[in-house]
């Protein structure tokens, strides 16, 4: 995973989950952190791959653009695709 993605993911936690400690929850509770992690991943994807980039490089594949900005292949599907005009 790229440094940019990890930073975006952690920023997502800081902004969206400032009152939660996911490492603590994973170690000491039965609380599922899947939703929290997905939200942080989605935040990072949207941060690194804004709609403007997709419009600017509309002749390139989503996967190539995502790879160039550091988004892992398995998380590309979290991108909400804009209507390109």
Protein backbone atom coordinates (compact mmCIF):
# COMPACT_ATOMS: atom_id res chain seq x y z
CA UNK A 1 0.00 0.00 0.00
CA UNK A 2 1.31 3.45 -0.85
CA UNK A 3 2.24 6.04 1.76
CA UNK A 4 -0.29 8.40 0.21
CA UNK A 5 -3.09 5.90 0.66
CA UNK A 6 -2.12 5.09 4.25
CA UNK A 7 -2.01 8.81 5.08
CA UNK A 8 -5.40 9.36 3.43
CA UNK A 9 -6.85 6.39 5.32
CA UNK A 10 -5.55 7.67 8.66
CA UNK A 11 -6.79 11.19 7.87
CA UNK A 12 -10.20 9.63 7.22
CA UNK A 13 -10.12 8.12 10.70
CA UNK A 14 -9.03 11.43 12.24
CA UNK A 15 -11.87 13.31 10.56
CA UNK A 16 -14.69 10.74 10.61
CA UNK A 17 -13.82 8.70 13.71
CA UNK A 18 -12.01 11.05 16.06
CA UNK A 19 -13.82 9.56 19.04
CA UNK A 20 -12.93 5.92 18.23
CA UNK A 21 -9.81 3.87 18.83
CA UNK A 22 -9.96 1.03 16.30
CA UNK A 23 -6.80 -0.78 17.52
CA UNK A 24 -8.29 -0.85 21.03
CA UNK A 25 -11.65 -2.06 19.72
CA UNK A 26 -9.98 -4.87 17.74
CA UNK A 27 -7.87 -6.05 20.68
CA UNK A 28 -10.27 -5.69 23.58
CA UNK A 29 -13.82 -6.00 22.27
CA UNK A 30 -15.95 -8.02 19.89
CA UNK A 31 -17.00 -4.83 18.08
CA UNK A 32 -16.61 -5.18 14.31
CA UNK A 33 -14.51 -2.40 12.85
CA UNK A 34 -15.25 -3.37 9.23
CA UNK A 35 -17.60 -0.41 8.67
CA UNK A 36 -15.13 2.04 10.20
CA UNK A 37 -12.27 0.72 8.08
CA UNK A 38 -14.38 0.83 4.92
CA UNK A 39 -15.31 4.45 5.62
CA UNK A 40 -11.63 5.38 6.09
CA UNK A 41 -10.73 3.53 2.87
CA UNK A 42 -13.51 5.30 0.97
CA UNK A 43 -12.32 8.65 2.32
CA UNK A 44 -8.77 7.92 1.10
CA UNK A 45 -9.97 6.82 -2.34
CA UNK A 46 -12.06 9.97 -2.80
CA UNK A 47 -9.21 12.16 -1.51
CA UNK A 48 -6.61 10.67 -3.86
CA UNK A 49 -8.91 10.28 -6.85
CA UNK A 50 -11.16 13.35 -7.10
CA UNK A 51 -13.60 13.58 -9.98
CA UNK A 52 -11.50 16.30 -11.60
CA UNK A 53 -8.68 13.82 -12.23
CA UNK A 54 -11.08 11.38 -13.86
CA UNK A 55 -12.40 14.13 -16.11
CA UNK A 56 -8.91 15.35 -16.99
CA UNK A 57 -7.72 11.84 -17.90
CA UNK A 58 -10.96 10.47 -19.30
CA UNK A 59 -9.03 8.64 -22.01
CA UNK A 60 -7.23 6.51 -19.37
CA UNK A 61 -8.68 3.59 -17.47
CA UNK A 62 -9.81 4.06 -13.90
CA UNK A 63 -7.40 1.31 -12.82
CA UNK A 64 -4.39 3.02 -14.41
CA UNK A 65 -5.23 6.37 -12.86
CA UNK A 66 -5.84 4.78 -9.46
CA UNK A 67 -2.55 2.90 -9.63
CA UNK A 68 -0.70 6.13 -10.43
CA UNK A 69 -2.10 7.91 -7.37
CA UNK A 70 -1.41 4.98 -5.02
CA UNK A 71 -4.80 3.33 -4.58
CA UNK A 72 -4.61 -0.45 -4.10
CA UNK A 73 -6.37 -2.45 -6.85
CA UNK A 74 -8.74 -4.14 -4.41
CA UNK A 75 -10.08 -0.76 -3.21
CA UNK A 76 -10.73 0.95 -6.54
CA UNK A 77 -14.37 -0.13 -6.42
CA UNK A 78 -14.91 2.25 -3.51
CA UNK A 79 -14.69 5.21 -5.91
CA UNK A 80 -18.02 6.82 -6.66
CA UNK A 81 -17.89 7.46 -10.38
CA UNK A 82 -19.02 10.85 -11.64
CA UNK A 83 -21.03 11.41 -14.78
CA UNK A 84 -18.36 12.42 -17.26
CA UNK A 85 -19.35 15.18 -19.68
